[in-house]
Amino acid sequence: MSTIQARTTYRALLRELPRRHLSKPSPLHQHLRAIFRSTPSTSSLQPENSNALPFSIPKTDEERTLRVQEADQFAQYARAQRVYCELLERYNPGMTMDEEEKIRLTARRVGFDLPELHVPEGKE
């Protein structure tokens, strides 16, 4: 796995995470930085654990390649979710409106203006 691809994946992940100040990185930012900065030790004498935890610090080059690929998939998923939410808000502007506001805007769309509701003097 090239360092350029790992750096690109790392930056894509950071773009999708909520913005934080550089002086106070979140634990997630710190953990991602540790994963991407780690260099695998090829001289390990321990038997290989084939079911290593996702987003754990890699111990071999193969494991590092796997972690970068998983991180790349996660970055693509996070980006797709962000774009989906933006499109949903863009094409459904009434999603956050209350029912009265939706009715008023629908009436205006067809050329009607709803009358103002009478509010008794003591109930303001």
PDB file of N, CA and C in Angstrom:
ATOM      1  N   MET A   1       0.858  -1.168   0.000  1.00  0.00           N
ATOM      2  CA  MET A   1       0.000   0.000   0.000  1.00  0.00           C
ATOM      3  C   MET A   1       0.901   1.227   0.000  1.00  0.00           C
ATOM      4  N   SER A   2       0.658   2.096  -0.927  1.00  0.00           N
ATOM      5  CA  SER A   2       1.493   3.284  -1.008  1.00  0.00           C
ATOM      6  C   SER A   2       1.104   4.291   0.069  1.00  0.00           C
ATOM      7  N   THR A   3       2.081   5.080   0.446  1.00  0.00           N
ATOM      8  CA  THR A   3       1.801   6.094   1.463  1.00  0.00           C
ATOM      9  C   THR A   3       0.895   7.186   0.913  1.00  0.00           C
ATOM     10  N   ILE A   4       0.932   7.390  -0.405  1.00  0.00           N
ATOM     11  CA  ILE A   4       0.063   8.408  -1.002  1.00  0.00           C
ATOM     12  C   ILE A   4      -1.402   7.994  -0.861  1.00  0.00           C
ATOM     13  N   GLN A   5      -1.691   6.726  -1.108  1.00  0.00           N
ATOM     14  CA  GLN A   5      -3.073   6.248  -0.965  1.00  0.00           C
ATOM     15  C   GLN A   5      -3.518   6.293   0.491  1.00  0.00           C
ATOM     16  N   ALA A   6      -2.620   5.950   1.404  1.00  0.00           N
ATOM     17  CA  ALA A   6      -2.955   6.012   2.828  1.00  0.00           C
ATOM     18  C   ALA A   6      -3.218   7.456   3.249  1.00  0.00           C
ATOM     19  N   ARG A   7      -2.407   8.383   2.765  1.00  0.00           N
ATOM     20  CA  ARG A   7      -2.588   9.797   3.099  1.00  0.00           C
ATOM     21  C   ARG A   7      -3.906  10.317   2.527  1.00  0.00           C
ATOM     22  N   THR A   8      -4.230   9.908   1.306  1.00  0.00           N
ATOM     23  CA  THR A   8      -5.490  10.324   0.689  1.00  0.00           C
ATOM     24  C   THR A   8      -6.681   9.807   1.491  1.00  0.00           C
ATOM     25  N   THR A   9      -6.604   8.560   1.917  1.00  0.00           N
ATOM     26  CA  THR A   9      -7.679   7.976   2.723  1.00  0.00           C
ATOM     27  C   THR A   9      -7.802   8.686   4.063  1.00  0.00           C
ATOM     28  N   TYR A  10      -6.668   8.976   4.687  1.00  0.00           N
ATOM     29  CA  TYR A  10      -6.668   9.677   5.978  1.00  0.00           C
ATOM     30  C   TYR A  10      -7.323  11.049   5.841  1.00  0.00           C
ATOM     31  N   ARG A  11      -6.976  11.767   4.802  1.00  0.00           N
ATOM     32  CA  ARG A  11      -7.564  13.095   4.591  1.00  0.00           C
ATOM     33  C   ARG A  11      -9.056  13.006   4.285  1.00  0.00           C
ATOM     34  N   ALA A  12      -9.462  11.971   3.534  1.00  0.00           N
ATOM     35  CA  ALA A  12     -10.892  11.790   3.242  1.00  0.00           C
ATOM     36  C   ALA A  12     -11.672  11.524   4.527  1.00  0.00           C
ATOM     37  N   LEU A  13     -11.101  10.725   5.424  1.00  0.00           N
ATOM     38  CA  LEU A  13     -11.753  10.477   6.713  1.00  0.00           C
ATOM     39  C   LEU A  13     -11.865  11.761   7.523  1.00  0.00           C
ATOM     40  N   LEU A  14     -10.807  12.544   7.551  1.00  0.00           N
ATOM     41  CA  LEU A  14     -10.837  13.790   8.321  1.00  0.00           C
ATOM     42  C   LEU A  14     -11.864  14.770   7.761  1.00  0.00           C
ATOM     43  N   ARG A  15     -12.037  14.783   6.434  1.00  0.00           N
ATOM     44  CA  ARG A  15     -13.034  15.678   5.835  1.00  0.00           C
ATOM     45  C   ARG A  15     -14.447  15.312   6.269  1.00  0.00           C
ATOM     46  N   GLU A  16     -14.703  14.038   6.484  1.00  0.00           N
ATOM     47  CA  GLU A  16     -16.053  13.607   6.831  1.00  0.00           C
ATOM     48  C   GLU A  16     -16.347  13.693   8.326  1.00  0.00           C
ATOM     49  N   LEU A  17     -15.323  13.796   9.142  1.00  0.00           N
ATOM     50  CA  LEU A  17     -15.533  13.922  10.585  1.00  0.00           C
ATOM     51  C   LEU A  17     -15.881  15.362  10.933  1.00  0.00           C
ATOM     52  N   PRO A  18     -16.577  15.588  12.044  1.00  0.00           N
ATOM     53  CA  PRO A  18     -16.869  16.963  12.460  1.00  0.00           C
ATOM     54  C   PRO A  18     -15.574  17.744  12.690  1.00  0.00           C
ATOM     55  N   ARG A  19     -15.606  19.008  12.342  1.00  0.00           N
ATOM     56  CA  ARG A  19     -14.422  19.862  12.474  1.00  0.00           C
ATOM     57  C   ARG A  19     -14.051  20.044  13.938  1.00  0.00           C
ATOM     58  N   ARG A  20     -12.756  20.004  14.222  1.00  0.00           N
ATOM     59  CA  ARG A  20     -12.237  20.233  15.568  1.00  0.00           C
ATOM     60  C   ARG A  20     -11.029  21.149  15.455  1.00  0.00           C
ATOM     61  N   HIS A  21     -10.712  21.810  16.552  1.00  0.00           N
ATOM     62  CA  HIS A  21      -9.516  22.633  16.581  1.00  0.00           C
ATOM     63  C   HIS A  21      -8.295  21.726  16.591  1.00  0.00           C
ATOM     64  N   LEU A  22      -7.238  22.178  15.951  1.00  0.00           N
ATOM     65  CA  LEU A  22      -6.016  21.377  15.917  1.00  0.00           C
ATOM     66  C   LEU A  22      -5.377  21.275  17.293  1.00  0.00           C
ATOM     67  N   SER A  23      -5.616  22.267  18.150  1.00  0.00           N
ATOM     68  CA  SER A  23      -5.012  22.234  19.480  1.00  0.00           C
ATOM     69  C   SER A  23      -5.671  21.192  20.381  1.00  0.00           C
ATOM     70  N   LYS A  24      -6.944  20.845  20.113  1.00  0.00           N
ATOM     71  CA  LYS A  24      -7.661  19.862  20.929  1.00  0.00           C
ATOM     72  C   LYS A  24      -8.287  18.796  20.029  1.00  0.00           C
ATOM     73  N   PRO A  25      -7.500  17.876  19.506  1.00  0.00           N
ATOM     74  CA  PRO A  25      -8.102  16.833  18.669  1.00  0.00           C
ATOM     75  C   PRO A  25      -8.918  15.855  19.510  1.00  0.00           C
ATOM     76  N   SER A  26      -9.964  15.335  18.914  1.00  0.00           N
ATOM     77  CA  SER A  26     -10.819  14.376  19.620  1.00  0.00           C
ATOM     78  C   SER A  26     -10.092  13.037  19.747  1.00  0.00           C
ATOM     79  N   PRO A  27     -10.560  12.171  20.630  1.00  0.00           N
ATOM     80  CA  PRO A  27      -9.941  10.842  20.737  1.00  0.00           C
ATOM     81  C   PRO A  27      -9.992  10.069  19.416  1.00  0.00           C
ATOM     82  N   LEU A  28     -11.061  10.268  18.635  1.00  0.00           N
ATOM     83  CA  LEU A  28     -11.149   9.596  17.342  1.00  0.00           C
ATOM     84  C   LEU A  28     -10.058  10.095  16.398  1.00  0.00           C
ATOM     85  N   HIS A  29      -9.847  11.424  16.367  1.00  0.00           N
ATOM     86  CA  HIS A  29      -8.775  11.975  15.540  1.00  0.00           C
ATOM     87  C   HIS A  29      -7.420  11.423  15.973  1.00  0.00           C
ATOM     88  N   GLN A  30      -7.202  11.358  17.268  1.00  0.00           N
ATOM     89  CA  GLN A  30      -5.926  10.856  17.777  1.00  0.00           C
ATOM     90  C   GLN A  30      -5.723   9.390  17.406  1.00  0.00           C
ATOM     91  N   HIS A  31      -6.784   8.592  17.505  1.00  0.00           N
ATOM     92  CA  HIS A  31      -6.667   7.170  17.177  1.00  0.00           C
ATOM     93  C   HIS A  31      -6.407   6.976  15.681  1.00  0.00           C
ATOM     94  N   LEU A  32      -7.105   7.739  14.839  1.00  0.00           N
ATOM     95  CA  LEU A  32      -6.860   7.649  13.402  1.00  0.00           C
ATOM     96  C   LEU A  32      -5.430   8.037  13.063  1.00  0.00           C
ATOM     97  N   ARG A  33      -4.947   9.088  13.692  1.00  0.00           N
ATOM     98  CA  ARG A  33      -3.570   9.512  13.452  1.00  0.00           C
ATOM     99  C   ARG A  33      -2.588   8.418  13.861  1.00  0.00           C
ATOM    100  N   ALA A  34      -2.857   7.759  14.987  1.00  0.00           N
ATOM    101  CA  ALA A  34      -1.972   6.682  15.441  1.00  0.00           C
ATOM    102  C   ALA A  34      -1.988   5.510  14.464  1.00  0.00           C
ATOM    103  N   ILE A  35      -3.159   5.187  13.935  1.00  0.00           N
ATOM    104  CA  ILE A  35      -3.247   4.077  12.978  1.00  0.00           C
ATOM    105  C   ILE A  35      -2.474   4.398  11.704  1.00  0.00           C
ATOM    106  N   PHE A  36      -2.658   5.597  11.183  1.00  0.00           N
ATOM    107  CA  PHE A  36      -2.026   5.928   9.912  1.00  0.00           C
ATOM    108  C   PHE A  36      -0.546   6.258  10.053  1.00  0.00           C
ATOM    109  N   ARG A  37      -0.096   6.625  11.229  1.00  0.00           N
ATOM    110  CA  ARG A  37       1.329   6.893  11.427  1.00  0.00           C
ATOM    111  C   ARG A  37       2.122   5.644  11.760  1.00  0.00           C
ATOM    112  N   SER A  38       1.436   4.615  12.195  1.00  0.00           N
ATOM    113  CA  SER A  38       2.146   3.415  12.640  1.00  0.00           C
ATOM    114  C   SER A  38       2.843   2.745  11.462  1.00  0.00           C
ATOM    115  N   THR A  39       4.001   2.185  11.757  1.00  0.00           N
ATOM    116  CA  THR A  39       4.729   1.404  10.761  1.00  0.00           C
ATOM    117  C   THR A  39       4.720  -0.035  11.227  1.00  0.00           C
ATOM    118  N   PRO A  40       4.325  -0.947  10.377  1.00  0.00           N
ATOM    119  CA  PRO A  40       4.240  -2.340  10.795  1.00  0.00           C
ATOM    120  C   PRO A  40       5.610  -2.925  11.086  1.00  0.00           C
ATOM    121  N   SER A  41       5.684  -3.737  12.119  1.00  0.00           N
ATOM    122  CA  SER A  41       6.952  -4.383  12.451  1.00  0.00           C
ATOM    123  C   SER A  41       6.965  -5.750  11.788  1.00  0.00           C
ATOM    124  N   THR A  42       7.879  -5.949  10.871  1.00  0.00           N
ATOM    125  CA  THR A  42       7.925  -7.204  10.122  1.00  0.00           C
ATOM    126  C   THR A  42       8.699  -8.278  10.862  1.00  0.00           C
ATOM    127  N   SER A  43       9.336  -7.924  11.965  1.00  0.00           N
ATOM    128  CA  SER A  43      10.138  -8.908  12.683  1.00  0.00           C
ATOM    129  C   SER A  43       9.405  -9.480  13.888  1.00  0.00           C
ATOM    130  N   SER A  44       8.091  -9.497  13.840  1.00  0.00           N
ATOM    131  CA  SER A  44       7.345 -10.037  14.976  1.00  0.00           C
ATOM    132  C   SER A  44       7.416 -11.556  14.950  1.00  0.00           C
ATOM    133  N   LEU A  45       7.676 -12.158  16.095  1.00  0.00           N
ATOM    134  CA  LEU A  45       7.795 -13.605  16.196  1.00  0.00           C
ATOM    135  C   LEU A  45       6.502 -14.248  16.659  1.00  0.00           C
ATOM    136  N   GLN A  46       5.495 -13.442  16.943  1.00  0.00           N
ATOM    137  CA  GLN A  46       4.228 -13.976  17.417  1.00  0.00           C
ATOM    138  C   GLN A  46       3.423 -14.505  16.235  1.00  0.00           C
ATOM    139  N   PRO A  47       2.603 -15.525  16.469  1.00  0.00           N
ATOM    140  CA  PRO A  47       1.752 -16.011  15.376  1.00  0.00           C
ATOM    141  C   PRO A  47       0.757 -14.929  14.966  1.00  0.00           C
ATOM    142  N   GLU A  48       0.436 -14.929  13.688  1.00  0.00           N
ATOM    143  CA  GLU A  48      -0.464 -13.903  13.150  1.00  0.00           C
ATOM    144  C   GLU A  48      -1.896 -14.162  13.596  1.00  0.00           C
ATOM    145  N   ASN A  49      -2.565 -13.117  13.975  1.00  0.00           N
ATOM    146  CA  ASN A  49      -3.971 -13.197  14.359  1.00  0.00           C
ATOM    147  C   ASN A  49      -4.791 -12.781  13.144  1.00  0.00           C
ATOM    148  N   SER A  50      -5.456 -13.714  12.512  1.00  0.00           N
ATOM    149  CA  SER A  50      -6.162 -13.424  11.268  1.00  0.00           C
ATOM    150  C   SER A  50      -7.421 -12.592  11.492  1.00  0.00           C
ATOM    151  N   ASN A  51      -7.941 -12.585  12.707  1.00  0.00           N
ATOM    152  CA  ASN A  51      -9.161 -11.816  12.970  1.00  0.00           C
ATOM    153  C   ASN A  51      -8.846 -10.614  13.852  1.00  0.00           C
ATOM    154  N   ALA A  52      -7.932  -9.777  13.400  1.00  0.00           N
ATOM    155  CA  ALA A  52      -7.579  -8.566  14.137  1.00  0.00           C
ATOM    156  C   ALA A  52      -8.770  -7.616  14.134  1.00  0.00           C
ATOM    157  N   LEU A  53      -8.855  -6.818  15.154  1.00  0.00           N
ATOM    158  CA  LEU A  53      -9.966  -5.881  15.281  1.00  0.00           C
ATOM    159  C   LEU A  53      -9.891  -4.809  14.208  1.00  0.00           C
ATOM    160  N   PRO A  54     -11.044  -4.398  13.670  1.00  0.00           N
ATOM    161  CA  PRO A  54     -11.037  -3.295  12.721  1.00  0.00           C
ATOM    162  C   PRO A  54     -10.529  -2.024  13.398  1.00  0.00           C
ATOM    163  N   PHE A  55      -9.796  -1.249  12.673  1.00  0.00           N
ATOM    164  CA  PHE A  55      -9.228   0.017  13.132  1.00  0.00           C
ATOM    165  C   PHE A  55      -8.262  -0.167  14.292  1.00  0.00           C
ATOM    166  N   SER A  56      -7.665  -1.349  14.402  1.00  0.00           N
ATOM    167  CA  SER A  56      -6.589  -1.533  15.367  1.00  0.00           C
ATOM    168  C   SER A  56      -5.283  -1.160  14.679  1.00  0.00           C
ATOM    169  N   ILE A  57      -4.258  -0.923  15.451  1.00  0.00           N
ATOM    170  CA  ILE A  57      -2.972  -0.543  14.873  1.00  0.00           C
ATOM    171  C   ILE A  57      -2.377  -1.769  14.189  1.00  0.00           C
ATOM    172  N   PRO A  58      -2.080  -1.676  12.893  1.00  0.00           N
ATOM    173  CA  PRO A  58      -1.620  -2.845  12.146  1.00  0.00           C
ATOM    174  C   PRO A  58      -0.217  -3.281  12.559  1.00  0.00           C
ATOM    175  N   LYS A  59       0.021  -4.593  12.445  1.00  0.00           N
ATOM    176  CA  LYS A  59       1.316  -5.148  12.814  1.00  0.00           C
ATOM    177  C   LYS A  59       2.114  -5.606  11.599  1.00  0.00           C
ATOM    178  N   THR A  60       1.461  -5.852  10.471  1.00  0.00           N
ATOM    179  CA  THR A  60       2.151  -6.285   9.254  1.00  0.00           C
ATOM    180  C   THR A  60       1.715  -5.410   8.089  1.00  0.00           C
ATOM    181  N   ASP A  61       2.432  -5.549   6.978  1.00  0.00           N
ATOM    182  CA  ASP A  61       2.069  -4.788   5.783  1.00  0.00           C
ATOM    183  C   ASP A  61       0.700  -5.201   5.245  1.00  0.00           C
ATOM    184  N   GLU A  62       0.409  -6.502   5.296  1.00  0.00           N
ATOM    185  CA  GLU A  62      -0.891  -6.970   4.809  1.00  0.00           C
ATOM    186  C   GLU A  62      -2.027  -6.408   5.667  1.00  0.00           C
ATOM    187  N   GLU A  63      -1.803  -6.395   6.957  1.00  0.00           N
ATOM    188  CA  GLU A  63      -2.819  -5.858   7.866  1.00  0.00           C
ATOM    189  C   GLU A  63      -2.991  -4.354   7.645  1.00  0.00           C
ATOM    190  N   ARG A  64      -1.900  -3.668   7.398  1.00  0.00           N
ATOM    191  CA  ARG A  64      -1.969  -2.230   7.130  1.00  0.00           C
ATOM    192  C   ARG A  64      -2.755  -1.965   5.847  1.00  0.00           C
ATOM    193  N   THR A  65      -2.510  -2.776   4.819  1.00  0.00           N
ATOM    194  CA  THR A  65      -3.251  -2.638   3.568  1.00  0.00           C
ATOM    195  C   THR A  65      -4.739  -2.852   3.802  1.00  0.00           C
ATOM    196  N   LEU A  66      -5.070  -3.868   4.590  1.00  0.00           N
ATOM    197  CA  LEU A  66      -6.464  -4.144   4.917  1.00  0.00           C
ATOM    198  C   LEU A  66      -7.094  -2.979   5.673  1.00  0.00           C
ATOM    199  N   ARG A  67      -6.383  -2.412   6.630  1.00  0.00           N
ATOM    200  CA  ARG A  67      -6.917  -1.292   7.422  1.00  0.00           C
ATOM    201  C   ARG A  67      -7.148  -0.059   6.546  1.00  0.00           C
ATOM    202  N   VAL A  68      -6.236   0.206   5.618  1.00  0.00           N
ATOM    203  CA  VAL A  68      -6.401   1.369   4.738  1.00  0.00           C
ATOM    204  C   VAL A  68      -7.595   1.154   3.812  1.00  0.00           C
ATOM    205  N   GLN A  69      -7.775  -0.071   3.318  1.00  0.00           N
ATOM    206  CA  GLN A  69      -8.932  -0.355   2.467  1.00  0.00           C
ATOM    207  C   GLN A  69     -10.239  -0.210   3.245  1.00  0.00           C
ATOM    208  N   GLU A  70     -10.266  -0.692   4.481  1.00  0.00           N
ATOM    209  CA  GLU A  70     -11.465  -0.534   5.316  1.00  0.00           C
ATOM    210  C   GLU A  70     -11.741   0.939   5.597  1.00  0.00           C
ATOM    211  N   ALA A  71     -10.694   1.696   5.867  1.00  0.00           N
ATOM    212  CA  ALA A  71     -10.859   3.127   6.135  1.00  0.00           C
ATOM    213  C   ALA A  71     -11.358   3.849   4.892  1.00  0.00           C
ATOM    214  N   ASP A  72     -10.875   3.434   3.718  1.00  0.00           N
ATOM    215  CA  ASP A  72     -11.328   4.038   2.472  1.00  0.00           C
ATOM    216  C   ASP A  72     -12.813   3.751   2.250  1.00  0.00           C
ATOM    217  N   GLN A  73     -13.240   2.529   2.518  1.00  0.00           N
ATOM    218  CA  GLN A  73     -14.657   2.190   2.390  1.00  0.00           C
ATOM    219  C   GLN A  73     -15.502   2.998   3.375  1.00  0.00           C
ATOM    220  N   PHE A  74     -15.006   3.163   4.583  1.00  0.00           N
ATOM    221  CA  PHE A  74     -15.737   3.945   5.579  1.00  0.00           C
ATOM    222  C   PHE A  74     -15.837   5.407   5.149  1.00  0.00           C
ATOM    223  N   ALA A  75     -14.759   5.964   4.589  1.00  0.00           N
ATOM    224  CA  ALA A  75     -14.783   7.356   4.129  1.00  0.00           C
ATOM    225  C   ALA A  75     -15.792   7.523   2.994  1.00  0.00           C
ATOM    226  N   GLN A  76     -15.839   6.558   2.072  1.00  0.00           N
ATOM    227  CA  GLN A  76     -16.811   6.628   0.983  1.00  0.00           C
ATOM    228  C   GLN A  76     -18.239   6.539   1.517  1.00  0.00           C
ATOM    229  N   TYR A  77     -18.453   5.673   2.492  1.00  0.00           N
ATOM    230  CA  TYR A  77     -19.783   5.533   3.095  1.00  0.00           C
ATOM    231  C   TYR A  77     -20.196   6.822   3.807  1.00  0.00           C
ATOM    232  N   ALA A  78     -19.277   7.410   4.571  1.00  0.00           N
ATOM    233  CA  ALA A  78     -19.586   8.642   5.301  1.00  0.00           C
ATOM    234  C   ALA A  78     -19.891   9.779   4.332  1.00  0.00           C
ATOM    235  N   ARG A  79     -19.145   9.849   3.233  1.00  0.00           N
ATOM    236  CA  ARG A  79     -19.393  10.886   2.238  1.00  0.00           C
ATOM    237  C   ARG A  79     -20.763  10.676   1.590  1.00  0.00           C
ATOM    238  N   ALA A  80     -21.094   9.437   1.253  1.00  0.00           N
ATOM    239  CA  ALA A  80     -22.388   9.148   0.637  1.00  0.00           C
ATOM    240  C   ALA A  80     -23.532   9.508   1.585  1.00  0.00           C
ATOM    241  N   GLN A  81     -23.376   9.243   2.878  1.00  0.00           N
ATOM    242  CA  GLN A  81     -24.410   9.589   3.848  1.00  0.00           C
ATOM    243  C   GLN A  81     -24.577  11.101   3.964  1.00  0.00           C
ATOM    244  N   ARG A  82     -23.459  11.830   3.937  1.00  0.00           N
ATOM    245  CA  ARG A  82     -23.523  13.286   4.020  1.00  0.00           C
ATOM    246  C   ARG A  82     -24.230  13.858   2.796  1.00  0.00           C
ATOM    247  N   VAL A  83     -23.879  13.369   1.604  1.00  0.00           N
ATOM    248  CA  VAL A  83     -24.513  13.842   0.376  1.00  0.00           C
ATOM    249  C   VAL A  83     -25.997  13.485   0.373  1.00  0.00           C
ATOM    250  N   TYR A  84     -26.338  12.293   0.856  1.00  0.00           N
ATOM    251  CA  TYR A  84     -27.740  11.872   0.939  1.00  0.00           C
ATOM    252  C   TYR A  84     -28.537  12.828   1.821  1.00  0.00           C
ATOM    253  N   CYS A  85     -27.998  13.185   2.973  1.00  0.00           N
ATOM    254  CA  CYS A  85     -28.697  14.111   3.876  1.00  0.00           C
ATOM    255  C   CYS A  85     -28.857  15.484   3.245  1.00  0.00           C
ATOM    256  N   GLU A  86     -27.819  15.951   2.534  1.00  0.00           N
ATOM    257  CA  GLU A  86     -27.912  17.247   1.860  1.00  0.00           C
ATOM    258  C   GLU A  86     -29.004  17.223   0.790  1.00  0.00           C
ATOM    259  N   LEU A  87     -29.060  16.148   0.001  1.00  0.00           N
ATOM    260  CA  LEU A  87     -30.080  16.045  -1.039  1.00  0.00           C
ATOM    261  C   LEU A  87     -31.475  15.927  -0.444  1.00  0.00           C
ATOM    262  N   LEU A  88     -31.601  15.192   0.634  1.00  0.00           N
ATOM    263  CA  LEU A  88     -32.892  15.042   1.297  1.00  0.00           C
ATOM    264  C   LEU A  88     -33.404  16.395   1.783  1.00  0.00           C
ATOM    265  N   GLU A  89     -32.534  17.194   2.390  1.00  0.00           N
ATOM    266  CA  GLU A  89     -32.936  18.524   2.857  1.00  0.00           C
ATOM    267  C   GLU A  89     -33.230  19.452   1.691  1.00  0.00           C
ATOM    268  N   ARG A  90     -32.487  19.295   0.599  1.00  0.00           N
ATOM    269  CA  ARG A  90     -32.660  20.181  -0.548  1.00  0.00           C
ATOM    270  C   ARG A  90     -33.989  19.933  -1.263  1.00  0.00           C
ATOM    271  N   TYR A  91     -34.343  18.669  -1.448  1.00  0.00           N
ATOM    272  CA  TYR A  91     -35.539  18.349  -2.220  1.00  0.00           C
ATOM    273  C   TYR A  91     -36.780  18.140  -1.367  1.00  0.00           C
ATOM    274  N   ASN A  92     -36.659  18.201  -0.068  1.00  0.00           N
ATOM    275  CA  ASN A  92     -37.807  18.127   0.833  1.00  0.00           C
ATOM    276  C   ASN A  92     -37.740  19.293   1.818  1.00  0.00           C
ATOM    277  N   PRO A  93     -37.927  20.510   1.326  1.00  0.00           N
ATOM    278  CA  PRO A  93     -37.760  21.658   2.223  1.00  0.00           C
ATOM    279  C   PRO A  93     -38.805  21.720   3.327  1.00  0.00           C
ATOM    280  N   GLY A  94     -39.945  21.084   3.148  1.00  0.00           N
ATOM    281  CA  GLY A  94     -40.986  21.123   4.165  1.00  0.00           C
ATOM    282  C   GLY A  94     -40.808  20.086   5.251  1.00  0.00           C
ATOM    283  N   MET A  95     -39.714  19.373   5.202  1.00  0.00           N
ATOM    284  CA  MET A  95     -39.489  18.290   6.145  1.00  0.00           C
ATOM    285  C   MET A  95     -39.427  18.789   7.587  1.00  0.00           C
ATOM    286  N   THR A  96     -38.916  19.979   7.791  1.00  0.00           N
ATOM    287  CA  THR A  96     -38.754  20.496   9.145  1.00  0.00           C
ATOM    288  C   THR A  96     -39.862  21.465   9.548  1.00  0.00           C
ATOM    289  N   MET A  97     -40.825  21.697   8.662  1.00  0.00           N
ATOM    290  CA  MET A  97     -41.910  22.639   8.974  1.00  0.00           C
ATOM    291  C   MET A  97     -43.006  21.955   9.774  1.00  0.00           C
ATOM    292  N   ASP A  98     -43.726  22.761  10.560  1.00  0.00           N
ATOM    293  CA  ASP A  98     -44.883  22.209  11.262  1.00  0.00           C
ATOM    294  C   ASP A  98     -46.071  22.157  10.293  1.00  0.00           C
ATOM    295  N   GLU A  99     -47.129  21.490  10.697  1.00  0.00           N
ATOM    296  CA  GLU A  99     -48.268  21.228   9.812  1.00  0.00           C
ATOM    297  C   GLU A  99     -48.964  22.520   9.369  1.00  0.00           C
ATOM    298  N   GLU A 100     -49.097  23.496  10.263  1.00  0.00           N
ATOM    299  CA  GLU A 100     -49.768  24.756   9.911  1.00  0.00           C
ATOM    300  C   GLU A 100     -49.001  25.505   8.827  1.00  0.00           C
ATOM    301  N   GLU A 101     -47.692  25.520   8.933  1.00  0.00           N
ATOM    302  CA  GLU A 101     -46.872  26.213   7.935  1.00  0.00           C
ATOM    303  C   GLU A 101     -46.969  25.512   6.580  1.00  0.00           C
ATOM    304  N   LYS A 102     -47.001  24.188   6.567  1.00  0.00           N
ATOM    305  CA  LYS A 102     -47.150  23.447   5.311  1.00  0.00           C
ATOM    306  C   LYS A 102     -48.481  23.781   4.644  1.00  0.00           C
ATOM    307  N   ILE A 103     -49.553  23.841   5.441  1.00  0.00           N
ATOM    308  CA  ILE A 103     -50.881  24.157   4.889  1.00  0.00           C
ATOM    309  C   ILE A 103     -50.896  25.570   4.332  1.00  0.00           C
ATOM    310  N   ARG A 104     -50.317  26.518   5.064  1.00  0.00           N
ATOM    311  CA  ARG A 104     -50.284  27.909   4.599  1.00  0.00           C
ATOM    312  C   ARG A 104     -49.523  28.027   3.279  1.00  0.00           C
ATOM    313  N   LEU A 105     -48.369  27.372   3.173  1.00  0.00           N
ATOM    314  CA  LEU A 105     -47.582  27.448   1.941  1.00  0.00           C
ATOM    315  C   LEU A 105     -48.274  26.737   0.778  1.00  0.00           C
ATOM    316  N   THR A 106     -48.974  25.641   1.055  1.00  0.00           N
ATOM    317  CA  THR A 106     -49.724  24.951   0.003  1.00  0.00           C
ATOM    318  C   THR A 106     -50.847  25.841  -0.512  1.00  0.00           C
ATOM    319  N   ALA A 107     -51.543  26.511   0.380  1.00  0.00           N
ATOM    320  CA  ALA A 107     -52.618  27.421  -0.029  1.00  0.00           C
ATOM    321  C   ALA A 107     -52.061  28.570  -0.864  1.00  0.00           C
ATOM    322  N   ARG A 108     -50.935  29.103  -0.492  1.00  0.00           N
ATOM    323  CA  ARG A 108     -50.334  30.199  -1.269  1.00  0.00           C
ATOM    324  C   ARG A 108     -49.898  29.716  -2.642  1.00  0.00           C
ATOM    325  N   ARG A 109     -49.468  28.461  -2.724  1.00  0.00           N
ATOM    326  CA  ARG A 109     -49.009  27.915  -3.996  1.00  0.00           C
ATOM    327  C   ARG A 109     -50.146  27.867  -5.021  1.00  0.00           C
ATOM    328  N   VAL A 110     -51.371  27.628  -4.565  1.00  0.00           N
ATOM    329  CA  VAL A 110     -52.508  27.561  -5.491  1.00  0.00           C
ATOM    330  C   VAL A 110     -53.272  28.882  -5.564  1.00  0.00           C
ATOM    331  N   GLY A 111     -52.759  29.921  -4.928  1.00  0.00           N
ATOM    332  CA  GLY A 111     -53.342  31.246  -5.080  1.00  0.00           C
ATOM    333  C   GLY A 111     -54.229  31.718  -3.956  1.00  0.00           C
ATOM    334  N   PHE A 112     -54.275  31.016  -2.863  1.00  0.00           N
ATOM    335  CA  PHE A 112     -55.097  31.436  -1.728  1.00  0.00           C
ATOM    336  C   PHE A 112     -54.217  31.973  -0.618  1.00  0.00           C
ATOM    337  N   ASP A 113     -54.784  32.928   0.118  1.00  0.00           N
ATOM    338  CA  ASP A 113     -54.150  33.378   1.350  1.00  0.00           C
ATOM    339  C   ASP A 113     -55.072  32.983   2.490  1.00  0.00           C
ATOM    340  N   LEU A 114     -54.560  32.228   3.418  1.00  0.00           N
ATOM    341  CA  LEU A 114     -55.373  31.820   4.561  1.00  0.00           C
ATOM    342  C   LEU A 114     -55.609  33.020   5.467  1.00  0.00           C
ATOM    343  N   PRO A 115     -56.795  33.121   6.024  1.00  0.00           N
ATOM    344  CA  PRO A 115     -57.059  34.238   6.937  1.00  0.00           C
ATOM    345  C   PRO A 115     -56.284  34.052   8.238  1.00  0.00           C
ATOM    346  N   GLU A 116     -56.021  35.169   8.876  1.00  0.00           N
ATOM    347  CA  GLU A 116     -55.364  35.120  10.182  1.00  0.00           C
ATOM    348  C   GLU A 116     -56.344  34.535  11.184  1.00  0.00           C
ATOM    349  N   LEU A 117     -55.877  33.673  12.031  1.00  0.00           N
ATOM    350  CA  LEU A 117     -56.737  33.070  13.045  1.00  0.00           C
ATOM    351  C   LEU A 117     -57.012  34.079  14.149  1.00  0.00           C
ATOM    352  N   HIS A 118     -58.241  34.069  14.619  1.00  0.00           N
ATOM    353  CA  HIS A 118     -58.626  34.974  15.698  1.00  0.00           C
ATOM    354  C   HIS A 118     -58.113  34.421  17.022  1.00  0.00           C
ATOM    355  N   VAL A 119     -57.383  35.245  17.730  1.00  0.00           N
ATOM    356  CA  VAL A 119     -56.884  34.861  19.049  1.00  0.00           C
ATOM    357  C   VAL A 119     -57.608  35.729  20.070  1.00  0.00           C
ATOM    358  N   PRO A 120     -58.339  35.133  21.006  1.00  0.00           N
ATOM    359  CA  PRO A 120     -59.038  35.933  22.024  1.00  0.00           C
ATOM    360  C   PRO A 120     -58.051  36.791  22.812  1.00  0.00           C
ATOM    361  N   GLU A 121     -58.545  37.888  23.362  1.00  0.00           N
ATOM    362  CA  GLU A 121     -57.705  38.867  24.054  1.00  0.00           C
ATOM    363  C   GLU A 121     -56.889  38.266  25.183  1.00  0.00           C
ATOM    364  N   GLY A 122     -57.442  37.396  25.967  1.00  0.00           N
ATOM    365  CA  GLY A 122     -56.746  36.873  27.140  1.00  0.00           C
ATOM    366  C   GLY A 122     -55.828  35.691  26.845  1.00  0.00           C
ATOM    367  N   LYS A 123     -55.791  35.188  25.635  1.00  0.00           N
ATOM    368  CA  LYS A 123     -55.019  33.977  25.326  1.00  0.00           C
ATOM    369  C   LYS A 123     -53.896  34.266  24.340  1.00  0.00           C
ATOM    370  N   GLU A 124     -53.022  35.140  24.653  1.00  0.00           N
ATOM    371  CA  GLU A 124     -51.918  35.450  23.740  1.00  0.00           C
ATOM    372  C   GLU A 124     -50.685  34.728  24.095  1.00  0.00           C
TER     373      GLU A 124
END
